[in-house]
Amino acid sequence: MAKSSKYVAHQPDKEGFVCWSDDENAIWQTLIERQLPALQGKACDNYIEGLAHLDLPRERIPQLAEVDKVLLQSTGWQTAAVPALIDFSEFFRLLANRQFPVATFIRSREELDYLQEPDIFHEIFGHCPMLTHQAFADFTQLYGELGLNASKEDRVYLARLYWFTVEFGLLQKGSERGIYGGGILSSPGETDYAFNSDIPERQPFDLVSVLRTPYRIDIMQPIYYCLDSVDQLFDIAKLDIMGAVQEAKKLGLFPPKFEQKKAANG
């Protein structure tokens, strides 16, 4: 999170209002109108219910106060406007205080399909609907509390827990499958791949296995860990997560299921 970004976030005014340009609003409209059909029959019911509750506008980027009103009433969460990238300590601090960081910029047309840093579409459309669900909201707060007090080394392991739940989590119960991870829900390509493709592995969620699984942010995921339901996050939150981190450190990482990045110098 300490890397530089080519994007510059808008600074909200004293009332928290962000003045978006017509082009930025048009990009939001393009993103939401192509993603909504992509999610039909694939997003989990909890996400669809949260999305309906938020009632996001299609023709413009929502103001954070609009989103906050629903989140506060639902689970006591709210958003926090942040720059394009923040450090891990600030990220964990915000989550621990039930504040979800939202970078106040939107991707360019050249990066409609993929960008490495999360923008307002990813955060609001991808994540905020799930924050209306109590188990997801409570788990995310606990995650923030754990990360805030963890060592730098342990935070690397915790990042895998966030990645395979909040970002790229799937539900699988029998033949029924649903998506709840925001990294999938905000991407049409990843939505279809995660739900339909026979290429990735889909494994039942196991905490220590998740903590031992390497990932890359710039590829389609080779493995997803699946919960029976979002309510299972209540049970995960009761586990000794930091004890599992220590066990994962002793056992070591699984071999990566992807090619390693080549160094810039070849």
C-alpha atoms as a PDB file:
ATOM      1  CA  MET A   1       0.000   0.000   0.000  1.00  0.00           C
ATOM      2  CA  ALA A   2       3.014   2.298   0.126  1.00  0.00           C
ATOM      3  CA  LYS A   3       3.466   2.193  -3.641  1.00  0.00           C
ATOM      4  CA  SER A   4       2.869   5.285  -5.742  1.00  0.00           C
ATOM      5  CA  SER A   5      -0.250   5.762  -7.853  1.00  0.00           C
ATOM      6  CA  LYS A   6      -0.800   7.610 -11.102  1.00  0.00           C
ATOM      7  CA  TYR A   7      -4.255   8.587  -9.834  1.00  0.00           C
ATOM      8  CA  VAL A   8      -4.966  11.626  -7.689  1.00  0.00           C
ATOM      9  CA  ALA A   9      -7.986  11.407  -5.406  1.00  0.00           C
ATOM     10  CA  HIS A  10     -10.460  14.271  -5.177  1.00  0.00           C
ATOM     11  CA  GLN A  11     -10.451  16.178  -1.910  1.00  0.00           C
ATOM     12  CA  PRO A  12     -13.953  16.330  -0.399  1.00  0.00           C
ATOM     13  CA  ASP A  13     -15.144  19.761   0.720  1.00  0.00           C
ATOM     14  CA  LYS A  14     -16.051  20.629   4.317  1.00  0.00           C
ATOM     15  CA  GLU A  15     -19.396  18.861   3.954  1.00  0.00           C
ATOM     16  CA  GLY A  16     -17.730  15.779   2.488  1.00  0.00           C
ATOM     17  CA  PHE A  17     -19.003  16.526  -1.026  1.00  0.00           C
ATOM     18  CA  VAL A  18     -16.854  15.509  -4.000  1.00  0.00           C
ATOM     19  CA  CYS A  19     -17.296  17.377  -7.267  1.00  0.00           C
ATOM     20  CA  TRP A  20     -17.059  14.758 -10.017  1.00  0.00           C
ATOM     21  CA  SER A  21     -16.689  15.692 -13.669  1.00  0.00           C
ATOM     22  CA  ASP A  22     -19.186  14.684 -16.344  1.00  0.00           C
ATOM     23  CA  ASP A  23     -16.617  12.246 -17.769  1.00  0.00           C
ATOM     24  CA  GLU A  24     -16.016  10.630 -14.375  1.00  0.00           C
ATOM     25  CA  ASN A  25     -19.757  10.206 -13.869  1.00  0.00           C
ATOM     26  CA  ALA A  26     -20.009   8.711 -17.359  1.00  0.00           C
ATOM     27  CA  ILE A  27     -17.267   6.184 -16.508  1.00  0.00           C
ATOM     28  CA  TRP A  28     -19.221   5.160 -13.385  1.00  0.00           C
ATOM     29  CA  GLN A  29     -22.328   4.691 -15.507  1.00  0.00           C
ATOM     30  CA  THR A  30     -20.418   2.551 -18.006  1.00  0.00           C
ATOM     31  CA  LEU A  31     -18.990   0.395 -15.216  1.00  0.00           C
ATOM     32  CA  ILE A  32     -22.211  -0.159 -13.303  1.00  0.00           C
ATOM     33  CA  GLU A  33     -24.384  -0.765 -16.360  1.00  0.00           C
ATOM     34  CA  ARG A  34     -22.096  -3.453 -17.721  1.00  0.00           C
ATOM     35  CA  GLN A  35     -21.512  -5.111 -14.338  1.00  0.00           C
ATOM     36  CA  LEU A  36     -25.122  -5.416 -13.188  1.00  0.00           C
ATOM     37  CA  PRO A  37     -26.074  -7.900 -15.954  1.00  0.00           C
ATOM     38  CA  ALA A  38     -22.810  -9.798 -15.396  1.00  0.00           C
ATOM     39  CA  LEU A  39     -23.811 -10.480 -11.785  1.00  0.00           C
ATOM     40  CA  GLN A  40     -27.239 -11.928 -12.532  1.00  0.00           C
ATOM     41  CA  GLY A  41     -27.441 -15.424 -11.079  1.00  0.00           C
ATOM     42  CA  LYS A  42     -23.834 -15.231  -9.846  1.00  0.00           C
ATOM     43  CA  ALA A  43     -23.660 -12.750  -6.959  1.00  0.00           C
ATOM     44  CA  CYS A  44     -24.778 -14.170  -3.616  1.00  0.00           C
ATOM     45  CA  ASP A  45     -28.194 -13.203  -2.247  1.00  0.00           C
ATOM     46  CA  ASN A  46     -26.636 -11.165   0.582  1.00  0.00           C
ATOM     47  CA  TYR A  47     -24.817  -8.980  -1.940  1.00  0.00           C
ATOM     48  CA  ILE A  48     -27.922  -8.500  -4.101  1.00  0.00           C
ATOM     49  CA  GLU A  49     -29.937  -7.519  -1.015  1.00  0.00           C
ATOM     50  CA  GLY A  50     -27.232  -5.065   0.066  1.00  0.00           C
ATOM     51  CA  LEU A  51     -27.020  -3.572  -3.417  1.00  0.00           C
ATOM     52  CA  ALA A  52     -30.781  -3.020  -3.447  1.00  0.00           C
ATOM     53  CA  HIS A  53     -30.563  -1.434   0.001  1.00  0.00           C
ATOM     54  CA  LEU A  54     -27.840   0.989  -1.106  1.00  0.00           C
ATOM     55  CA  ASP A  55     -29.837   1.896  -4.225  1.00  0.00           C
ATOM     56  CA  LEU A  56     -26.745   3.283  -5.963  1.00  0.00           C
ATOM     57  CA  PRO A  57     -27.322   5.812  -8.748  1.00  0.00           C
ATOM     58  CA  ARG A  58     -26.408   4.675 -12.232  1.00  0.00           C
ATOM     59  CA  GLU A  59     -25.858   7.984 -13.956  1.00  0.00           C
ATOM     60  CA  ARG A  60     -23.404   9.473 -11.424  1.00  0.00           C
ATOM     61  CA  ILE A  61     -20.907   8.543  -8.752  1.00  0.00           C
ATOM     62  CA  PRO A  62     -22.653   8.442  -5.365  1.00  0.00           C
ATOM     63  CA  GLN A  63     -21.613  10.808  -2.613  1.00  0.00           C
ATOM     64  CA  LEU A  64     -20.162   8.981   0.388  1.00  0.00           C
ATOM     65  CA  ALA A  65     -22.801  10.471   2.690  1.00  0.00           C
ATOM     66  CA  GLU A  66     -25.480   8.652   0.688  1.00  0.00           C
ATOM     67  CA  VAL A  67     -23.718   5.340   1.236  1.00  0.00           C
ATOM     68  CA  ASP A  68     -22.974   6.113   4.889  1.00  0.00           C
ATOM     69  CA  LYS A  69     -26.641   6.666   5.675  1.00  0.00           C
ATOM     70  CA  VAL A  70     -27.470   3.075   4.698  1.00  0.00           C
ATOM     71  CA  LEU A  71     -24.367   1.475   6.235  1.00  0.00           C
ATOM     72  CA  LEU A  72     -24.786   3.237   9.575  1.00  0.00           C
ATOM     73  CA  GLN A  73     -28.388   2.100   9.833  1.00  0.00           C
ATOM     74  CA  SER A  74     -27.538  -1.462   8.781  1.00  0.00           C
ATOM     75  CA  THR A  75     -24.361  -2.363  10.663  1.00  0.00           C
ATOM     76  CA  GLY A  76     -22.853   0.803  12.147  1.00  0.00           C
ATOM     77  CA  TRP A  77     -20.277   1.197   9.384  1.00  0.00           C
ATOM     78  CA  GLN A  78     -19.436   4.224   7.291  1.00  0.00           C
ATOM     79  CA  THR A  79     -16.978   5.090   4.555  1.00  0.00           C
ATOM     80  CA  ALA A  80     -13.804   7.152   4.887  1.00  0.00           C
ATOM     81  CA  ALA A  81     -12.466   9.186   1.979  1.00  0.00           C
ATOM     82  CA  VAL A  82      -8.782   8.391   1.435  1.00  0.00           C
ATOM     83  CA  PRO A  83      -6.069   9.090  -1.162  1.00  0.00           C
ATOM     84  CA  ALA A  84      -5.447   6.604  -3.963  1.00  0.00           C
ATOM     85  CA  LEU A  85      -3.201   4.488  -1.705  1.00  0.00           C
ATOM     86  CA  ILE A  86      -2.827   4.351   2.083  1.00  0.00           C
ATOM     87  CA  ASP A  87      -0.409   2.435   4.288  1.00  0.00           C
ATOM     88  CA  PHE A  88      -1.362  -0.764   6.071  1.00  0.00           C
ATOM     89  CA  SER A  89      -1.519   0.821   9.528  1.00  0.00           C
ATOM     90  CA  GLU A  90      -4.091   3.376   8.396  1.00  0.00           C
ATOM     91  CA  PHE A  91      -6.013   0.683   6.526  1.00  0.00           C
ATOM     92  CA  PHE A  92      -6.254  -1.503   9.623  1.00  0.00           C
ATOM     93  CA  ARG A  93      -7.073   1.482  11.868  1.00  0.00           C
ATOM     94  CA  LEU A  94     -10.011   2.466   9.707  1.00  0.00           C
ATOM     95  CA  LEU A  95     -11.418  -1.064   9.547  1.00  0.00           C
ATOM     96  CA  ALA A  96     -11.033  -1.487  13.312  1.00  0.00           C
ATOM     97  CA  ASN A  97     -13.187   1.629  13.723  1.00  0.00           C
ATOM     98  CA  ARG A  98     -15.854   0.394  11.276  1.00  0.00           C
ATOM     99  CA  GLN A  99     -14.764   2.822   8.584  1.00  0.00           C
ATOM    100  CA  PHE A 100     -14.274   1.447   5.093  1.00  0.00           C
ATOM    101  CA  PRO A 101     -11.574   3.303   3.117  1.00  0.00           C
ATOM    102  CA  VAL A 102     -12.784   4.600  -0.231  1.00  0.00           C
ATOM    103  CA  ALA A 103     -10.315   6.256  -2.583  1.00  0.00           C
ATOM    104  CA  THR A 104     -12.059   9.241  -4.144  1.00  0.00           C
ATOM    105  CA  PHE A 105     -10.952   8.679  -7.715  1.00  0.00           C
ATOM    106  CA  ILE A 106     -12.334   6.592 -10.540  1.00  0.00           C
ATOM    107  CA  ARG A 107     -10.330   4.627 -13.100  1.00  0.00           C
ATOM    108  CA  SER A 108      -9.604   5.972 -16.566  1.00  0.00           C
ATOM    109  CA  ARG A 109     -11.293   4.634 -19.689  1.00  0.00           C
ATOM    110  CA  GLU A 110      -7.992   2.961 -20.598  1.00  0.00           C
ATOM    111  CA  GLU A 111      -8.226   0.843 -17.425  1.00  0.00           C
ATOM    112  CA  LEU A 112     -11.929   0.029 -17.391  1.00  0.00           C
ATOM    113  CA  ASP A 113     -11.275  -3.709 -17.152  1.00  0.00           C
ATOM    114  CA  TYR A 114      -8.468  -3.754 -14.610  1.00  0.00           C
ATOM    115  CA  LEU A 115      -6.408  -1.483 -12.393  1.00  0.00           C
ATOM    116  CA  GLN A 116      -4.148  -2.504  -9.536  1.00  0.00           C
ATOM    117  CA  GLU A 117      -5.224   0.080  -6.964  1.00  0.00           C
ATOM    118  CA  PRO A 118      -8.855   0.051  -5.792  1.00  0.00           C
ATOM    119  CA  ASP A 119     -10.984   2.960  -7.031  1.00  0.00           C
ATOM    120  CA  ILE A 120     -14.363   4.214  -5.877  1.00  0.00           C
ATOM    121  CA  PHE A 121     -16.234   1.780  -8.132  1.00  0.00           C
ATOM    122  CA  HIS A 122     -14.403  -1.202  -6.673  1.00  0.00           C
ATOM    123  CA  GLU A 123     -14.949  -0.022  -3.100  1.00  0.00           C
ATOM    124  CA  ILE A 124     -18.550   1.204  -3.322  1.00  0.00           C
ATOM    125  CA  PHE A 125     -20.019  -1.242  -5.831  1.00  0.00           C
ATOM    126  CA  GLY A 126     -17.800  -4.215  -4.978  1.00  0.00           C
ATOM    127  CA  HIS A 127     -17.613  -4.044  -1.182  1.00  0.00           C
ATOM    128  CA  CYS A 128     -20.185  -1.749   0.398  1.00  0.00           C
ATOM    129  CA  PRO A 129     -23.254  -3.921  -0.361  1.00  0.00           C
ATOM    130  CA  MET A 130     -21.708  -6.718   1.723  1.00  0.00           C
ATOM    131  CA  LEU A 131     -21.066  -4.301   4.602  1.00  0.00           C
ATOM    132  CA  THR A 132     -24.841  -4.214   5.143  1.00  0.00           C
ATOM    133  CA  HIS A 133     -24.589  -7.868   6.248  1.00  0.00           C
ATOM    134  CA  GLN A 134     -23.793  -8.270   9.941  1.00  0.00           C
ATOM    135  CA  ALA A 135     -21.424 -11.258   9.722  1.00  0.00           C
ATOM    136  CA  PHE A 136     -19.375  -9.651   6.952  1.00  0.00           C
ATOM    137  CA  ALA A 137     -19.320  -6.298   8.750  1.00  0.00           C
ATOM    138  CA  ASP A 138     -18.233  -7.784  12.094  1.00  0.00           C
ATOM    139  CA  PHE A 139     -15.595  -9.985  10.478  1.00  0.00           C
ATOM    140  CA  THR A 140     -14.129  -6.993   8.641  1.00  0.00           C
ATOM    141  CA  GLN A 141     -13.901  -4.990  11.869  1.00  0.00           C
ATOM    142  CA  LEU A 142     -12.198  -7.883  13.676  1.00  0.00           C
ATOM    143  CA  TYR A 143      -9.766  -8.186  10.782  1.00  0.00           C
ATOM    144  CA  GLY A 144      -8.866  -4.529  11.220  1.00  0.00           C
ATOM    145  CA  GLU A 145      -8.300  -4.998  14.950  1.00  0.00           C
ATOM    146  CA  LEU A 146      -6.036  -8.005  14.372  1.00  0.00           C
ATOM    147  CA  GLY A 147      -4.023  -6.245  11.701  1.00  0.00           C
ATOM    148  CA  LEU A 148      -3.615  -3.095  13.770  1.00  0.00           C
ATOM    149  CA  ASN A 149      -1.892  -5.071  16.517  1.00  0.00           C
ATOM    150  CA  ALA A 150       0.025  -7.519  14.293  1.00  0.00           C
ATOM    151  CA  SER A 151       3.703  -7.435  13.390  1.00  0.00           C
ATOM    152  CA  LYS A 152       4.791  -6.548   9.874  1.00  0.00           C
ATOM    153  CA  GLU A 153       5.520 -10.222   9.166  1.00  0.00           C
ATOM    154  CA  ASP A 154       2.158 -11.396  10.517  1.00  0.00           C
ATOM    155  CA  ARG A 155       0.328  -8.763   8.446  1.00  0.00           C
ATOM    156  CA  VAL A 156       1.581 -10.489   5.302  1.00  0.00           C
ATOM    157  CA  TYR A 157      -0.223 -13.652   6.412  1.00  0.00           C
ATOM    158  CA  LEU A 158      -3.332 -11.715   7.381  1.00  0.00           C
ATOM    159  CA  ALA A 159      -3.379 -10.165   3.909  1.00  0.00           C
ATOM    160  CA  ARG A 160      -4.087 -13.642   2.513  1.00  0.00           C
ATOM    161  CA  LEU A 161      -7.104 -13.994   4.782  1.00  0.00           C
ATOM    162  CA  TYR A 162      -8.525 -10.716   3.462  1.00  0.00           C
ATOM    163  CA  TRP A 163      -7.703 -11.660  -0.113  1.00  0.00           C
ATOM    164  CA  PHE A 164      -9.490 -15.019  -0.043  1.00  0.00           C
ATOM    165  CA  THR A 165     -12.565 -13.695   1.792  1.00  0.00           C
ATOM    166  CA  VAL A 166     -13.352  -9.996   1.447  1.00  0.00           C
ATOM    167  CA  GLU A 167     -11.739  -9.659  -1.980  1.00  0.00           C
ATOM    168  CA  PHE A 168     -12.071 -13.060  -3.675  1.00  0.00           C
ATOM    169  CA  GLY A 169     -14.478 -15.051  -1.557  1.00  0.00           C
ATOM    170  CA  LEU A 170     -16.950 -17.576  -2.998  1.00  0.00           C
ATOM    171  CA  LEU A 171     -19.869 -19.442  -1.479  1.00  0.00           C
ATOM    172  CA  GLN A 172     -20.391 -23.108  -2.366  1.00  0.00           C
ATOM    173  CA  LYS A 173     -23.018 -25.363  -0.831  1.00  0.00           C
ATOM    174  CA  GLY A 174     -23.661 -28.498  -2.833  1.00  0.00           C
ATOM    175  CA  SER A 175     -24.184 -27.393  -6.404  1.00  0.00           C
ATOM    176  CA  GLU A 176     -25.161 -23.863  -5.359  1.00  0.00           C
ATOM    177  CA  ARG A 177     -22.470 -21.228  -5.924  1.00  0.00           C
ATOM    178  CA  GLY A 178     -22.415 -17.502  -5.188  1.00  0.00           C
ATOM    179  CA  ILE A 179     -19.905 -14.659  -5.147  1.00  0.00           C
ATOM    180  CA  TYR A 180     -19.366 -12.364  -2.168  1.00  0.00           C
ATOM    181  CA  GLY A 181     -15.809 -11.062  -2.726  1.00  0.00           C
ATOM    182  CA  GLY A 182     -15.605  -7.468  -3.942  1.00  0.00           C
ATOM    183  CA  GLY A 183     -12.614  -8.103  -6.185  1.00  0.00           C
ATOM    184  CA  ILE A 184     -14.777 -10.479  -8.195  1.00  0.00           C
ATOM    185  CA  LEU A 185     -18.040  -8.549  -7.988  1.00  0.00           C
ATOM    186  CA  SER A 186     -16.527  -5.386  -9.474  1.00  0.00           C
ATOM    187  CA  SER A 187     -14.964  -7.160 -12.487  1.00  0.00           C
ATOM    188  CA  PRO A 188     -16.986  -8.696 -15.348  1.00  0.00           C
ATOM    189  CA  GLY A 189     -14.098 -10.927 -16.425  1.00  0.00           C
ATOM    190  CA  GLU A 190     -13.391 -12.255 -12.918  1.00  0.00           C
ATOM    191  CA  THR A 191     -17.125 -12.701 -12.241  1.00  0.00           C
ATOM    192  CA  ASP A 192     -17.554 -15.056 -15.184  1.00  0.00           C
ATOM    193  CA  TYR A 193     -14.229 -16.811 -14.531  1.00  0.00           C
ATOM    194  CA  ALA A 194     -14.808 -17.363 -10.804  1.00  0.00           C
ATOM    195  CA  PHE A 195     -18.356 -18.599 -11.310  1.00  0.00           C
ATOM    196  CA  ASN A 196     -18.155 -20.620 -14.526  1.00  0.00           C
ATOM    197  CA  SER A 197     -14.588 -21.574 -15.414  1.00  0.00           C
ATOM    198  CA  ASP A 198     -13.265 -25.101 -14.852  1.00  0.00           C
ATOM    199  CA  ILE A 199      -9.682 -23.787 -14.639  1.00  0.00           C
ATOM    200  CA  PRO A 200      -9.466 -22.567 -11.019  1.00  0.00           C
ATOM    201  CA  GLU A 201      -9.582 -24.811  -7.971  1.00  0.00           C
ATOM    202  CA  ARG A 202     -12.426 -24.245  -5.519  1.00  0.00           C
ATOM    203  CA  GLN A 203     -11.619 -25.549  -2.065  1.00  0.00           C
ATOM    204  CA  PRO A 204     -13.618 -25.508   1.178  1.00  0.00           C
ATOM    205  CA  PHE A 205     -12.413 -22.719   3.460  1.00  0.00           C
ATOM    206  CA  ASP A 206      -9.688 -23.800   5.870  1.00  0.00           C
ATOM    207  CA  LEU A 207      -8.049 -21.016   7.847  1.00  0.00           C
ATOM    208  CA  VAL A 208      -4.485 -22.349   7.974  1.00  0.00           C
ATOM    209  CA  SER A 209      -4.584 -23.339   4.296  1.00  0.00           C
ATOM    210  CA  VAL A 210      -5.760 -19.852   3.368  1.00  0.00           C
ATOM    211  CA  LEU A 211      -2.908 -18.286   5.344  1.00  0.00           C
ATOM    212  CA  ARG A 212      -0.399 -20.515   3.517  1.00  0.00           C
ATOM    213  CA  THR A 213      -1.643 -19.797  -0.013  1.00  0.00           C
ATOM    214  CA  PRO A 214       0.328 -17.303  -2.143  1.00  0.00           C
ATOM    215  CA  TYR A 215      -1.585 -15.062  -4.545  1.00  0.00           C
ATOM    216  CA  ARG A 216      -0.970 -12.529  -7.276  1.00  0.00           C
ATOM    217  CA  ILE A 217      -3.098  -9.436  -7.754  1.00  0.00           C
ATOM    218  CA  ASP A 218      -2.663  -9.129 -11.530  1.00  0.00           C
ATOM    219  CA  ILE A 219      -3.986 -12.484 -12.769  1.00  0.00           C
ATOM    220  CA  MET A 220      -7.195 -14.471 -12.727  1.00  0.00           C
ATOM    221  CA  GLN A 221      -7.106 -16.392  -9.482  1.00  0.00           C
ATOM    222  CA  PRO A 222      -5.979 -20.041  -9.695  1.00  0.00           C
ATOM    223  CA  ILE A 223      -7.749 -20.951  -6.451  1.00  0.00           C
ATOM    224  CA  TYR A 224     -10.792 -19.795  -4.494  1.00  0.00           C
ATOM    225  CA  TYR A 225     -11.692 -20.777  -0.947  1.00  0.00           C
ATOM    226  CA  CYS A 226     -15.417 -21.301  -0.444  1.00  0.00           C
ATOM    227  CA  LEU A 227     -17.702 -20.759   2.536  1.00  0.00           C
ATOM    228  CA  ASP A 228     -21.063 -22.488   2.967  1.00  0.00           C
ATOM    229  CA  SER A 229     -22.666 -19.106   3.660  1.00  0.00           C
ATOM    230  CA  VAL A 230     -21.617 -15.586   4.591  1.00  0.00           C
ATOM    231  CA  ASP A 231     -22.750 -16.336   8.155  1.00  0.00           C
ATOM    232  CA  GLN A 232     -19.755 -18.698   8.400  1.00  0.00           C
ATOM    233  CA  LEU A 233     -17.680 -15.532   8.877  1.00  0.00           C
ATOM    234  CA  PHE A 234     -19.201 -15.349  12.379  1.00  0.00           C
ATOM    235  CA  ASP A 235     -17.555 -18.716  13.129  1.00  0.00           C
ATOM    236  CA  ILE A 236     -14.234 -17.745  11.553  1.00  0.00           C
ATOM    237  CA  ALA A 237     -14.148 -14.595  13.688  1.00  0.00           C
ATOM    238  CA  LYS A 238     -14.334 -16.785  16.824  1.00  0.00           C
ATOM    239  CA  LEU A 239     -11.264 -18.818  15.825  1.00  0.00           C
ATOM    240  CA  ASP A 240      -7.772 -18.126  17.121  1.00  0.00           C
ATOM    241  CA  ILE A 241      -6.734 -16.383  13.919  1.00  0.00           C
ATOM    242  CA  MET A 242      -3.355 -15.165  15.180  1.00  0.00           C
ATOM    243  CA  GLY A 243      -2.629 -18.665  16.501  1.00  0.00           C
ATOM    244  CA  ALA A 244      -3.376 -19.956  13.006  1.00  0.00           C
ATOM    245  CA  VAL A 245      -0.942 -17.381  11.615  1.00  0.00           C
ATOM    246  CA  GLN A 246       1.808 -18.820  13.816  1.00  0.00           C
ATOM    247  CA  GLU A 247       0.941 -22.348  12.676  1.00  0.00           C
ATOM    248  CA  ALA A 248       1.020 -21.258   9.027  1.00  0.00           C
ATOM    249  CA  LYS A 249       4.432 -19.671   9.552  1.00  0.00           C
ATOM    250  CA  LYS A 250       5.787 -22.943  10.969  1.00  0.00           C
ATOM    251  CA  LEU A 251       4.359 -25.030   8.133  1.00  0.00           C
ATOM    252  CA  GLY A 252       5.457 -22.635   5.382  1.00  0.00           C
ATOM    253  CA  LEU A 253       3.714 -21.502   2.223  1.00  0.00           C
ATOM    254  CA  PHE A 254       2.225 -23.813  -0.363  1.00  0.00           C
ATOM    255  CA  PRO A 255       3.959 -23.791  -3.758  1.00  0.00           C
ATOM    256  CA  PRO A 256       2.438 -21.004  -5.883  1.00  0.00           C
ATOM    257  CA  LYS A 257      -0.203 -22.086  -8.390  1.00  0.00           C
ATOM    258  CA  PHE A 258       0.967 -19.403 -10.821  1.00  0.00           C
ATOM    259  CA  GLU A 259       4.113 -18.312 -12.622  1.00  0.00           C
ATOM    260  CA  GLN A 260       6.355 -15.976 -10.701  1.00  0.00           C
ATOM    261  CA  LYS A 261       6.644 -12.428 -12.011  1.00  0.00           C
ATOM    262  CA  LYS A 262       9.785 -11.795 -13.989  1.00  0.00           C
ATOM    263  CA  ALA A 263      12.037  -9.065 -12.689  1.00  0.00           C
ATOM    264  CA  ALA A 264      11.923  -5.772 -14.539  1.00  0.00           C
ATOM    265  CA  ASN A 265      15.513  -6.220 -15.688  1.00  0.00           C
ATOM    266  CA  GLY A 266      14.704  -9.659 -17.057  1.00  0.00           C
END
